[in-house]
Amino acid sequence: MKNTTLRSSLALLCGAILSACGGSDGSLQIAGSINGYTKTGLQLINNGNGETLDVATGAVNFNFTRQVSVDDNFDVQIKNQPANANCVATNNQGKANVYNAYSVVITCTNTPRTLGGKVAGLTADGLVVANGSDTIAVPRGATSFVFPRTVGDGSNYGISVLSQPTGQTCTIPAATSTGNITGGDRLDAVTVSCGNTSSGQ
């Protein structure tokens, strides 16, 4: 009799705890955080119940509207990737409880793009071109260059001449030295024009 009473009391206590935490049947929402989402078109799906969710551009969190019960299976996946980006889900599967239902993490990375430019008139060594902290030494006779590091789609760039070649002066028109790389690689972002330095300089 005492054991029966004890089990009943424990059951009531567990039910009260779950209710206080929002964990009784049908009262959990699958939710989480979003990092790095700056594009459009991200759609999530909870394969546990088939619900889909369109995520607004710039969102830093999300929650599915259809509530689930404790111990319901959930499986949050990327149904549609955003344009020019890739998103992955972590902490995204399991049996729902008050600890894991709200801890899904979506991390997005913009598609990497290659940035470069053209070179004209370079007959000497020593030319170094920079995009921020990313630099490249351009050898004599080169007609093009590509920066060693990629940049994320949608990023701004600012290309400049960091070091001049021996006996020459190279310039980049101010109007084309800055821009935004979107939708594909930019291998002709700028043209670096070089000419011999006059003896009077």
N, C-alpha and C. Protein backbone atom coordinates (compact mmCIF):
# COMPACT_ATOMS: atom_id res chain seq x y z
N MET A 1 0.83 -1.20 0.00
CA MET A 1 0.00 0.00 0.00
C MET A 1 0.86 1.25 0.00
N LYS A 2 1.92 1.22 0.87
CA LYS A 2 2.82 2.36 0.93
C LYS A 2 3.51 2.58 -0.41
N ASN A 3 3.94 1.47 -1.06
CA ASN A 3 4.61 1.59 -2.35
C ASN A 3 3.69 2.19 -3.40
N THR A 4 2.42 1.77 -3.38
CA THR A 4 1.45 2.30 -4.34
C THR A 4 1.26 3.79 -4.14
N THR A 5 1.15 4.21 -2.88
CA THR A 5 0.99 5.63 -2.56
C THR A 5 2.21 6.43 -3.00
N LEU A 6 3.41 5.87 -2.77
CA LEU A 6 4.65 6.55 -3.15
C LEU A 6 4.74 6.72 -4.65
N ARG A 7 4.40 5.65 -5.40
CA ARG A 7 4.45 5.74 -6.86
C ARG A 7 3.47 6.79 -7.38
N SER A 8 2.30 6.86 -6.78
CA SER A 8 1.30 7.84 -7.20
C SER A 8 1.79 9.26 -6.93
N SER A 9 2.43 9.45 -5.78
CA SER A 9 2.94 10.78 -5.43
C SER A 9 4.05 11.20 -6.39
N LEU A 10 4.93 10.26 -6.73
CA LEU A 10 6.02 10.57 -7.66
C LEU A 10 5.47 10.92 -9.04
N ALA A 11 4.45 10.20 -9.47
CA ALA A 11 3.85 10.47 -10.77
C ALA A 11 3.25 11.87 -10.81
N LEU A 12 2.56 12.24 -9.73
CA LEU A 12 1.97 13.58 -9.66
C LEU A 12 3.05 14.65 -9.65
N LEU A 13 4.16 14.40 -8.92
CA LEU A 13 5.26 15.35 -8.86
C LEU A 13 5.90 15.54 -10.22
N CYS A 14 6.16 14.44 -10.94
CA CYS A 14 6.75 14.52 -12.28
C CYS A 14 5.85 15.29 -13.23
N GLY A 15 4.55 15.04 -13.12
CA GLY A 15 3.61 15.75 -13.99
C GLY A 15 3.61 17.23 -13.71
N ALA A 16 3.71 17.61 -12.44
CA ALA A 16 3.72 19.02 -12.07
C ALA A 16 4.98 19.71 -12.58
N ILE A 17 6.13 19.01 -12.49
CA ILE A 17 7.39 19.58 -12.98
C ILE A 17 7.34 19.82 -14.47
N LEU A 18 6.86 18.82 -15.22
CA LEU A 18 6.78 18.97 -16.67
C LEU A 18 5.84 20.09 -17.06
N SER A 19 4.73 20.21 -16.35
CA SER A 19 3.77 21.26 -16.66
C SER A 19 4.36 22.63 -16.41
N ALA A 20 5.10 22.78 -15.31
CA ALA A 20 5.72 24.06 -14.98
C ALA A 20 6.76 24.46 -15.99
N CYS A 21 7.42 23.49 -16.61
CA CYS A 21 8.47 23.77 -17.59
C CYS A 21 7.93 23.83 -19.01
N GLY A 22 6.64 23.76 -19.18
CA GLY A 22 6.10 23.75 -20.53
C GLY A 22 6.33 22.43 -21.21
N GLY A 23 6.34 21.33 -20.45
CA GLY A 23 6.70 20.05 -21.03
C GLY A 23 5.61 19.02 -20.99
N SER A 24 4.36 19.39 -20.70
CA SER A 24 3.28 18.42 -20.75
C SER A 24 2.94 18.12 -22.19
N ASP A 25 2.13 17.11 -22.43
CA ASP A 25 1.83 16.67 -23.79
C ASP A 25 1.35 17.83 -24.66
N GLY A 26 1.98 17.95 -25.85
CA GLY A 26 1.55 18.93 -26.82
C GLY A 26 1.89 20.36 -26.49
N SER A 27 2.85 20.61 -25.59
CA SER A 27 3.14 21.99 -25.21
C SER A 27 4.58 22.40 -25.47
N LEU A 28 5.34 21.60 -26.21
CA LEU A 28 6.71 21.96 -26.56
C LEU A 28 6.75 22.48 -28.00
N GLN A 29 7.52 23.54 -28.20
CA GLN A 29 7.76 24.04 -29.54
C GLN A 29 9.22 23.78 -29.91
N ILE A 30 9.44 23.21 -31.08
CA ILE A 30 10.80 23.01 -31.56
C ILE A 30 11.33 24.36 -32.04
N ALA A 31 12.45 24.79 -31.46
CA ALA A 31 12.96 26.13 -31.73
C ALA A 31 14.47 26.14 -31.62
N GLY A 32 15.08 27.27 -32.00
CA GLY A 32 16.52 27.38 -31.89
C GLY A 32 17.06 28.70 -32.40
N SER A 33 18.37 28.74 -32.60
CA SER A 33 19.05 29.96 -33.02
C SER A 33 19.58 29.81 -34.44
N ILE A 34 19.83 30.96 -35.08
CA ILE A 34 20.35 31.00 -36.45
C ILE A 34 21.56 31.92 -36.47
N ASN A 35 22.64 31.46 -37.08
CA ASN A 35 23.86 32.25 -37.18
C ASN A 35 24.22 32.49 -38.64
N GLY A 36 24.54 33.75 -38.98
CA GLY A 36 25.10 34.06 -40.29
C GLY A 36 24.13 34.07 -41.45
N TYR A 37 22.83 34.17 -41.19
CA TYR A 37 21.85 34.12 -42.28
C TYR A 37 21.56 35.53 -42.79
N THR A 38 22.08 35.86 -43.98
CA THR A 38 21.90 37.19 -44.56
C THR A 38 21.21 37.16 -45.92
N LYS A 39 20.91 35.98 -46.42
CA LYS A 39 20.33 35.84 -47.75
C LYS A 39 18.82 35.64 -47.66
N THR A 40 18.22 35.10 -48.71
CA THR A 40 16.79 34.83 -48.73
C THR A 40 16.54 33.40 -49.18
N GLY A 41 15.42 32.84 -48.74
CA GLY A 41 14.99 31.55 -49.26
C GLY A 41 15.18 30.37 -48.33
N LEU A 42 15.67 30.58 -47.11
CA LEU A 42 15.88 29.46 -46.19
C LEU A 42 14.53 28.90 -45.73
N GLN A 43 14.38 27.59 -45.88
CA GLN A 43 13.18 26.91 -45.39
C GLN A 43 13.60 25.68 -44.59
N LEU A 44 13.04 25.55 -43.40
CA LEU A 44 13.32 24.41 -42.53
C LEU A 44 12.15 23.45 -42.55
N ILE A 45 12.43 22.20 -42.18
CA ILE A 45 11.37 21.21 -42.02
C ILE A 45 11.66 20.37 -40.79
N ASN A 46 10.62 20.09 -40.03
CA ASN A 46 10.71 19.13 -38.94
C ASN A 46 10.18 17.81 -39.48
N ASN A 47 11.08 16.90 -39.81
CA ASN A 47 10.66 15.62 -40.37
C ASN A 47 9.91 14.76 -39.37
N GLY A 48 9.94 15.18 -38.11
CA GLY A 48 9.19 14.44 -37.11
C GLY A 48 7.69 14.53 -37.31
N ASN A 49 7.22 15.69 -37.80
CA ASN A 49 5.78 15.84 -38.03
C ASN A 49 5.45 16.47 -39.39
N GLY A 50 6.49 16.77 -40.19
CA GLY A 50 6.26 17.28 -41.54
C GLY A 50 6.05 18.78 -41.64
N GLU A 51 6.14 19.51 -40.53
CA GLU A 51 5.91 20.96 -40.59
C GLU A 51 7.09 21.66 -41.24
N THR A 52 6.80 22.62 -42.12
CA THR A 52 7.84 23.44 -42.74
C THR A 52 7.77 24.86 -42.20
N LEU A 53 8.89 25.57 -42.32
CA LEU A 53 8.97 26.93 -41.80
C LEU A 53 9.85 27.77 -42.71
N ASP A 54 9.28 28.86 -43.25
CA ASP A 54 10.05 29.83 -44.03
C ASP A 54 10.70 30.82 -43.06
N VAL A 55 12.00 31.04 -43.23
CA VAL A 55 12.75 31.88 -42.30
C VAL A 55 13.04 33.23 -42.95
N ALA A 56 12.70 34.30 -42.25
CA ALA A 56 12.89 35.66 -42.77
C ALA A 56 14.38 36.00 -42.83
N THR A 57 14.75 36.78 -43.83
CA THR A 57 16.14 37.22 -43.98
C THR A 57 16.61 37.95 -42.73
N GLY A 58 17.80 37.59 -42.25
CA GLY A 58 18.37 38.24 -41.08
C GLY A 58 17.89 37.70 -39.75
N ALA A 59 17.01 36.70 -39.78
CA ALA A 59 16.50 36.13 -38.52
C ALA A 59 17.64 35.51 -37.71
N VAL A 60 17.58 35.65 -36.39
CA VAL A 60 18.59 35.07 -35.51
C VAL A 60 18.02 33.95 -34.65
N ASN A 61 16.72 33.70 -34.78
CA ASN A 61 16.12 32.56 -34.09
C ASN A 61 14.87 32.13 -34.86
N PHE A 62 14.33 30.99 -34.49
CA PHE A 62 13.15 30.46 -35.16
C PHE A 62 12.38 29.58 -34.19
N ASN A 63 11.12 29.36 -34.48
CA ASN A 63 10.36 28.35 -33.76
C ASN A 63 9.23 27.83 -34.65
N PHE A 64 9.09 26.53 -34.66
CA PHE A 64 7.97 25.92 -35.37
C PHE A 64 6.69 26.18 -34.58
N THR A 65 5.59 26.36 -35.29
CA THR A 65 4.34 26.71 -34.61
C THR A 65 3.58 25.50 -34.09
N ARG A 66 3.78 24.35 -34.73
CA ARG A 66 3.04 23.16 -34.31
C ARG A 66 3.71 22.56 -33.07
N GLN A 67 2.98 22.48 -31.99
CA GLN A 67 3.54 21.97 -30.74
C GLN A 67 3.67 20.45 -30.77
N VAL A 68 4.65 19.96 -30.03
CA VAL A 68 4.88 18.52 -29.93
C VAL A 68 4.84 18.10 -28.47
N SER A 69 4.74 16.82 -28.26
CA SER A 69 4.68 16.27 -26.91
C SER A 69 6.05 15.77 -26.47
N VAL A 70 6.22 15.63 -25.18
CA VAL A 70 7.44 15.04 -24.64
C VAL A 70 7.62 13.64 -25.24
N ASP A 71 8.85 13.37 -25.67
CA ASP A 71 9.25 12.10 -26.27
C ASP A 71 8.81 11.94 -27.73
N ASP A 72 8.15 12.96 -28.30
CA ASP A 72 7.92 12.92 -29.75
C ASP A 72 9.26 13.06 -30.46
N ASN A 73 9.44 12.34 -31.55
CA ASN A 73 10.65 12.48 -32.34
C ASN A 73 10.63 13.80 -33.11
N PHE A 74 11.77 14.49 -33.13
CA PHE A 74 11.91 15.66 -33.99
C PHE A 74 13.21 15.53 -34.78
N ASP A 75 13.19 16.10 -35.97
CA ASP A 75 14.34 16.00 -36.88
C ASP A 75 14.31 17.23 -37.78
N VAL A 76 15.00 18.29 -37.36
CA VAL A 76 15.00 19.55 -38.10
C VAL A 76 16.08 19.51 -39.17
N GLN A 77 15.67 19.72 -40.41
CA GLN A 77 16.59 19.70 -41.54
C GLN A 77 16.38 20.94 -42.41
N ILE A 78 17.36 21.19 -43.29
CA ILE A 78 17.23 22.28 -44.26
C ILE A 78 16.44 21.74 -45.45
N LYS A 79 15.26 22.27 -45.67
CA LYS A 79 14.45 21.82 -46.82
C LYS A 79 14.87 22.56 -48.08
N ASN A 80 15.04 23.88 -47.97
CA ASN A 80 15.51 24.69 -49.10
C ASN A 80 16.65 25.59 -48.63
N GLN A 81 17.78 25.52 -49.33
CA GLN A 81 18.91 26.38 -49.01
C GLN A 81 18.65 27.80 -49.53
N PRO A 82 19.17 28.81 -48.83
CA PRO A 82 19.05 30.17 -49.35
C PRO A 82 19.91 30.37 -50.59
N ALA A 83 19.59 31.38 -51.37
CA ALA A 83 20.38 31.68 -52.56
C ALA A 83 21.79 32.10 -52.17
N ASN A 84 22.79 31.52 -52.84
CA ASN A 84 24.19 31.89 -52.66
C ASN A 84 24.70 31.70 -51.23
N ALA A 85 24.18 30.67 -50.56
CA ALA A 85 24.63 30.35 -49.20
C ALA A 85 24.36 28.88 -48.92
N ASN A 86 24.95 28.40 -47.84
CA ASN A 86 24.72 27.02 -47.41
C ASN A 86 24.53 27.00 -45.90
N CYS A 87 23.46 26.34 -45.46
CA CYS A 87 23.15 26.28 -44.03
C CYS A 87 23.15 24.83 -43.56
N VAL A 88 23.59 24.61 -42.34
CA VAL A 88 23.58 23.28 -41.74
C VAL A 88 22.91 23.35 -40.38
N ALA A 89 22.30 22.24 -39.98
CA ALA A 89 21.61 22.17 -38.70
C ALA A 89 22.37 21.25 -37.75
N THR A 90 22.50 21.67 -36.49
CA THR A 90 23.10 20.84 -35.45
C THR A 90 22.18 20.83 -34.23
N ASN A 91 22.41 19.86 -33.34
CA ASN A 91 21.51 19.65 -32.19
C ASN A 91 20.06 19.54 -32.67
N ASN A 92 19.87 18.87 -33.78
CA ASN A 92 18.61 18.96 -34.52
C ASN A 92 17.77 17.70 -34.52
N GLN A 93 18.17 16.67 -33.77
CA GLN A 93 17.42 15.42 -33.78
C GLN A 93 17.30 14.86 -32.38
N GLY A 94 16.21 14.15 -32.14
CA GLY A 94 16.07 13.48 -30.86
C GLY A 94 14.62 13.31 -30.46
N LYS A 95 14.42 12.94 -29.21
CA LYS A 95 13.09 12.87 -28.62
C LYS A 95 12.89 14.14 -27.81
N ALA A 96 11.82 14.84 -28.08
CA ALA A 96 11.62 16.17 -27.52
C ALA A 96 11.51 16.14 -26.00
N ASN A 97 12.22 17.06 -25.35
CA ASN A 97 12.06 17.30 -23.93
C ASN A 97 12.35 18.76 -23.65
N VAL A 98 12.24 19.18 -22.40
CA VAL A 98 12.37 20.60 -22.07
C VAL A 98 13.80 21.09 -22.23
N TYR A 99 14.75 20.19 -22.43
CA TYR A 99 16.15 20.59 -22.57
C TYR A 99 16.58 20.74 -24.03
N ASN A 100 16.10 19.86 -24.91
CA ASN A 100 16.61 19.88 -26.28
C ASN A 100 15.66 20.49 -27.30
N ALA A 101 14.40 20.71 -26.93
CA ALA A 101 13.42 21.18 -27.92
C ALA A 101 13.73 22.60 -28.40
N TYR A 102 14.46 23.36 -27.58
CA TYR A 102 14.71 24.77 -27.91
C TYR A 102 16.17 25.04 -28.28
N SER A 103 16.95 23.99 -28.54
CA SER A 103 18.40 24.18 -28.69
C SER A 103 18.93 23.82 -30.07
N VAL A 104 18.07 23.76 -31.08
CA VAL A 104 18.54 23.52 -32.45
C VAL A 104 19.36 24.73 -32.91
N VAL A 105 20.44 24.49 -33.63
CA VAL A 105 21.29 25.57 -34.13
C VAL A 105 21.40 25.46 -35.64
N ILE A 106 21.09 26.55 -36.34
CA ILE A 106 21.25 26.64 -37.79
C ILE A 106 22.40 27.60 -38.07
N THR A 107 23.42 27.12 -38.78
CA THR A 107 24.58 27.95 -39.11
C THR A 107 24.69 28.09 -40.62
N CYS A 108 24.74 29.33 -41.08
CA CYS A 108 24.78 29.61 -42.53
C CYS A 108 26.10 30.26 -42.91
N THR A 109 26.60 29.88 -44.07
CA THR A 109 27.83 30.45 -44.62
C THR A 109 27.57 30.85 -46.06
N ASN A 110 27.89 32.08 -46.39
CA ASN A 110 27.70 32.53 -47.77
C ASN A 110 28.66 31.80 -48.70
N THR A 111 28.21 31.53 -49.91
CA THR A 111 29.01 30.81 -50.89
C THR A 111 30.34 31.52 -51.13
N PRO A 112 31.47 30.81 -51.06
CA PRO A 112 32.77 31.47 -51.29
C PRO A 112 32.95 31.87 -52.75
N ARG A 113 33.48 33.06 -52.94
CA ARG A 113 33.72 33.58 -54.29
C ARG A 113 35.19 33.93 -54.46
N THR A 114 35.67 33.76 -55.69
CA THR A 114 37.06 34.09 -56.02
C THR A 114 37.13 35.50 -56.58
N LEU A 115 38.10 36.26 -56.08
CA LEU A 115 38.25 37.66 -56.47
C LEU A 115 39.61 37.87 -57.13
N GLY A 116 39.61 38.58 -58.25
CA GLY A 116 40.87 38.85 -58.94
C GLY A 116 40.72 40.02 -59.89
N GLY A 117 41.75 40.22 -60.72
CA GLY A 117 41.71 41.34 -61.65
C GLY A 117 42.69 41.16 -62.79
N LYS A 118 42.73 42.17 -63.65
CA LYS A 118 43.61 42.18 -64.81
C LYS A 118 44.82 43.08 -64.54
N VAL A 119 45.89 42.83 -65.28
CA VAL A 119 47.11 43.63 -65.15
C VAL A 119 47.59 44.01 -66.55
N ALA A 120 47.99 45.26 -66.71
CA ALA A 120 48.49 45.72 -68.01
C ALA A 120 49.81 46.45 -67.83
N GLY A 121 50.79 46.14 -68.68
CA GLY A 121 52.05 46.88 -68.72
C GLY A 121 53.05 46.55 -67.64
N LEU A 122 52.90 45.43 -66.94
CA LEU A 122 53.81 45.09 -65.85
C LEU A 122 55.07 44.41 -66.41
N THR A 123 56.22 45.09 -66.27
CA THR A 123 57.47 44.55 -66.81
C THR A 123 58.54 44.34 -65.74
N ALA A 124 58.18 44.54 -64.48
CA ALA A 124 59.17 44.40 -63.40
C ALA A 124 58.54 43.66 -62.22
N ASP A 125 59.39 43.16 -61.34
CA ASP A 125 58.92 42.49 -60.13
C ASP A 125 58.69 43.51 -59.02
N GLY A 126 57.93 43.08 -58.02
CA GLY A 126 57.72 43.92 -56.84
C GLY A 126 56.29 44.38 -56.62
N LEU A 127 55.42 44.17 -57.60
CA LEU A 127 54.03 44.61 -57.44
C LEU A 127 53.31 43.71 -56.43
N VAL A 128 52.68 44.33 -55.45
CA VAL A 128 51.84 43.62 -54.48
C VAL A 128 50.49 44.31 -54.45
N VAL A 129 49.44 43.52 -54.63
CA VAL A 129 48.07 44.03 -54.64
C VAL A 129 47.36 43.49 -53.40
N ALA A 130 46.48 44.31 -52.82
CA ALA A 130 45.83 43.92 -51.56
C ALA A 130 44.32 44.12 -51.64
N ASN A 131 43.63 43.21 -50.97
CA ASN A 131 42.21 43.38 -50.67
C ASN A 131 42.08 43.24 -49.16
N GLY A 132 42.10 44.35 -48.45
CA GLY A 132 42.17 44.29 -47.00
C GLY A 132 43.48 43.65 -46.57
N SER A 133 43.40 42.60 -45.76
CA SER A 133 44.61 41.91 -45.29
C SER A 133 45.06 40.81 -46.24
N ASP A 134 44.29 40.56 -47.28
CA ASP A 134 44.64 39.52 -48.26
C ASP A 134 45.51 40.14 -49.35
N THR A 135 46.72 39.63 -49.52
CA THR A 135 47.66 40.22 -50.48
C THR A 135 48.18 39.16 -51.45
N ILE A 136 48.65 39.65 -52.60
CA ILE A 136 49.27 38.75 -53.57
C ILE A 136 50.38 39.50 -54.30
N ALA A 137 51.53 38.83 -54.43
CA ALA A 137 52.65 39.37 -55.21
C ALA A 137 52.44 38.98 -56.67
N VAL A 138 52.45 39.97 -57.54
CA VAL A 138 52.18 39.74 -58.96
C VAL A 138 53.51 39.77 -59.72
N PRO A 139 53.91 38.70 -60.36
CA PRO A 139 55.22 38.67 -61.04
C PRO A 139 55.22 39.48 -62.34
N ARG A 140 56.41 39.84 -62.76
CA ARG A 140 56.55 40.59 -64.02
C ARG A 140 55.94 39.80 -65.17
N GLY A 141 55.35 40.52 -66.09
CA GLY A 141 54.75 39.89 -67.26
C GLY A 141 53.35 39.34 -67.05
N ALA A 142 52.88 39.33 -65.80
CA ALA A 142 51.55 38.78 -65.53
C ALA A 142 50.47 39.68 -66.14
N THR A 143 49.41 39.07 -66.59
CA THR A 143 48.28 39.83 -67.14
C THR A 143 47.02 39.68 -66.29
N SER A 144 47.13 38.92 -65.21
CA SER A 144 45.99 38.76 -64.30
C SER A 144 46.50 38.31 -62.94
N PHE A 145 45.63 38.36 -61.96
CA PHE A 145 45.95 37.88 -60.61
C PHE A 145 44.67 37.41 -59.93
N VAL A 146 44.83 36.52 -58.96
CA VAL A 146 43.70 36.03 -58.16
C VAL A 146 44.14 36.03 -56.70
N PHE A 147 43.34 36.60 -55.83
CA PHE A 147 43.68 36.62 -54.41
C PHE A 147 43.63 35.20 -53.84
N PRO A 148 44.54 34.88 -52.91
CA PRO A 148 44.59 33.51 -52.38
C PRO A 148 43.39 33.12 -51.53
N ARG A 149 42.74 34.09 -50.90
CA ARG A 149 41.59 33.77 -50.06
C ARG A 149 40.29 34.12 -50.77
N THR A 150 39.31 33.25 -50.63
CA THR A 150 37.99 33.55 -51.18
C THR A 150 37.25 34.50 -50.24
N VAL A 151 36.19 35.11 -50.77
CA VAL A 151 35.34 35.98 -49.96
C VAL A 151 33.90 35.48 -50.08
N GLY A 152 33.12 35.72 -49.05
CA GLY A 152 31.74 35.26 -49.06
C GLY A 152 30.88 36.06 -50.03
N ASP A 153 29.95 35.36 -50.67
CA ASP A 153 29.02 36.04 -51.58
C ASP A 153 28.33 37.19 -50.86
N GLY A 154 28.28 38.34 -51.53
CA GLY A 154 27.68 39.52 -50.93
C GLY A 154 28.67 40.41 -50.20
N SER A 155 29.94 40.01 -50.17
CA SER A 155 30.95 40.79 -49.45
C SER A 155 31.40 42.01 -50.26
N ASN A 156 31.76 43.06 -49.55
CA ASN A 156 32.38 44.22 -50.19
C ASN A 156 33.88 43.98 -50.33
N TYR A 157 34.48 44.58 -51.33
CA TYR A 157 35.93 44.49 -51.49
C TYR A 157 36.49 45.88 -51.76
N GLY A 158 37.78 46.01 -51.47
CA GLY A 158 38.50 47.25 -51.75
C GLY A 158 39.92 46.89 -52.14
N ILE A 159 40.23 46.98 -53.42
CA ILE A 159 41.52 46.53 -53.95
C ILE A 159 42.44 47.73 -54.14
N SER A 160 43.69 47.56 -53.68
CA SER A 160 44.66 48.66 -53.78
C SER A 160 46.04 48.11 -54.11
N VAL A 161 46.92 49.00 -54.57
CA VAL A 161 48.32 48.65 -54.80
C VAL A 161 49.07 48.87 -53.50
N LEU A 162 49.60 47.78 -52.94
CA LEU A 162 50.30 47.87 -51.66
C LEU A 162 51.78 48.20 -51.87
N SER A 163 52.40 47.60 -52.88
CA SER A 163 53.81 47.86 -53.18
C SER A 163 53.98 48.01 -54.69
N GLN A 164 54.78 49.00 -55.08
CA GLN A 164 55.01 49.26 -56.50
C GLN A 164 56.17 48.39 -57.02
N PRO A 165 56.11 48.01 -58.29
CA PRO A 165 57.23 47.27 -58.88
C PRO A 165 58.43 48.19 -59.10
N THR A 166 59.59 47.59 -59.20
CA THR A 166 60.82 48.36 -59.39
C THR A 166 60.77 49.15 -60.70
N GLY A 167 60.95 50.48 -60.58
CA GLY A 167 61.00 51.33 -61.76
C GLY A 167 59.67 51.56 -62.44
N GLN A 168 58.58 51.15 -61.84
CA GLN A 168 57.27 51.36 -62.44
C GLN A 168 56.28 51.91 -61.41
N THR A 169 55.21 52.50 -61.94
CA THR A 169 54.10 52.94 -61.11
C THR A 169 52.82 52.30 -61.62
N CYS A 170 52.10 51.64 -60.72
CA CYS A 170 50.85 50.96 -61.09
C CYS A 170 49.69 51.62 -60.37
N THR A 171 48.58 51.75 -61.05
CA THR A 171 47.41 52.41 -60.48
C THR A 171 46.15 51.61 -60.76
N ILE A 172 45.16 51.84 -59.91
CA ILE A 172 43.82 51.27 -60.08
C ILE A 172 42.84 52.43 -60.04
N PRO A 173 42.00 52.60 -61.04
CA PRO A 173 41.02 53.69 -61.02
C PRO A 173 40.15 53.63 -59.76
N ALA A 174 39.99 54.77 -59.10
CA ALA A 174 39.22 54.81 -57.86
C ALA A 174 37.79 54.32 -58.05
N ALA A 175 37.24 54.58 -59.23
CA ALA A 175 35.84 54.23 -59.49
C ALA A 175 35.60 52.72 -59.49
N THR A 176 36.66 51.94 -59.76
CA THR A 176 36.50 50.48 -59.84
C THR A 176 37.22 49.73 -58.72
N SER A 177 37.88 50.46 -57.83
CA SER A 177 38.69 49.79 -56.80
C SER A 177 37.85 49.16 -55.70
N THR A 178 36.60 49.59 -55.56
CA THR A 178 35.72 49.02 -54.54
C THR A 178 34.46 48.49 -55.20
N GLY A 179 33.82 47.55 -54.54
CA GLY A 179 32.60 46.98 -55.09
C GLY A 179 32.06 45.88 -54.21
N ASN A 180 31.12 45.12 -54.76
CA ASN A 180 30.47 44.03 -54.05
C ASN A 180 30.47 42.80 -54.95
N ILE A 181 30.81 41.67 -54.38
CA ILE A 181 30.88 40.44 -55.17
C ILE A 181 29.65 39.57 -54.86
N THR A 182 28.76 39.45 -55.84
CA THR A 182 27.50 38.74 -55.63
C THR A 182 27.17 37.89 -56.85
N GLY A 183 26.77 36.66 -56.61
CA GLY A 183 26.25 35.82 -57.68
C GLY A 183 27.28 35.05 -58.47
N GLY A 184 28.56 35.23 -58.19
CA GLY A 184 29.59 34.50 -58.93
C GLY A 184 30.96 35.07 -58.67
N ASP A 185 32.00 34.39 -59.18
CA ASP A 185 33.37 34.88 -59.03
C ASP A 185 33.55 36.18 -59.79
N ARG A 186 34.49 37.01 -59.32
CA ARG A 186 34.86 38.25 -60.02
C ARG A 186 36.35 38.20 -60.32
N LEU A 187 36.69 37.76 -61.51
CA LEU A 187 38.09 37.66 -61.91
C LEU A 187 38.55 38.89 -62.67
N ASP A 188 37.64 39.84 -62.89
CA ASP A 188 37.99 41.08 -63.59
C ASP A 188 37.48 42.28 -62.80
N ALA A 189 37.60 42.18 -61.48
CA ALA A 189 37.06 43.24 -60.62
C ALA A 189 37.74 44.58 -60.89
N VAL A 190 39.05 44.55 -61.14
CA VAL A 190 39.80 45.78 -61.42
C VAL A 190 40.82 45.50 -62.52
N THR A 191 41.33 46.59 -63.09
CA THR A 191 42.49 46.51 -63.98
C THR A 191 43.61 47.36 -63.38
N VAL A 192 44.75 46.71 -63.13
CA VAL A 192 45.92 47.41 -62.62
C VAL A 192 46.77 47.81 -63.82
N SER A 193 46.93 49.11 -64.02
CA SER A 193 47.70 49.62 -65.16
C SER A 193 49.07 50.10 -64.69
N CYS A 194 50.12 49.60 -65.33
CA CYS A 194 51.48 49.92 -64.92
C CYS A 194 52.24 50.63 -66.04
N GLY A 195 53.09 51.55 -65.65
CA GLY A 195 53.94 52.25 -66.60
C GLY A 195 55.28 52.56 -65.97
N ASN A 196 56.28 52.81 -66.81
CA ASN A 196 57.61 53.11 -66.29
C ASN A 196 57.63 54.44 -65.57
N THR A 197 58.34 54.47 -64.45
CA THR A 197 58.48 55.71 -63.69
C THR A 197 59.48 56.61 -64.39
N SER A 198 59.12 57.88 -64.56
CA SER A 198 60.04 58.80 -65.24
C SER A 198 61.25 59.06 -64.37
N SER A 199 62.36 59.38 -64.98
CA SER A 199 63.62 59.58 -64.26
C SER A 199 63.55 60.76 -63.31
N GLY A 200 62.61 61.64 -63.53
CA GLY A 200 62.50 62.81 -62.65
C GLY A 200 61.75 62.52 -61.38
N GLN A 201 61.14 61.32 -61.24
CA GLN A 201 60.37 61.00 -60.05
C GLN A 201 61.23 60.32 -59.00
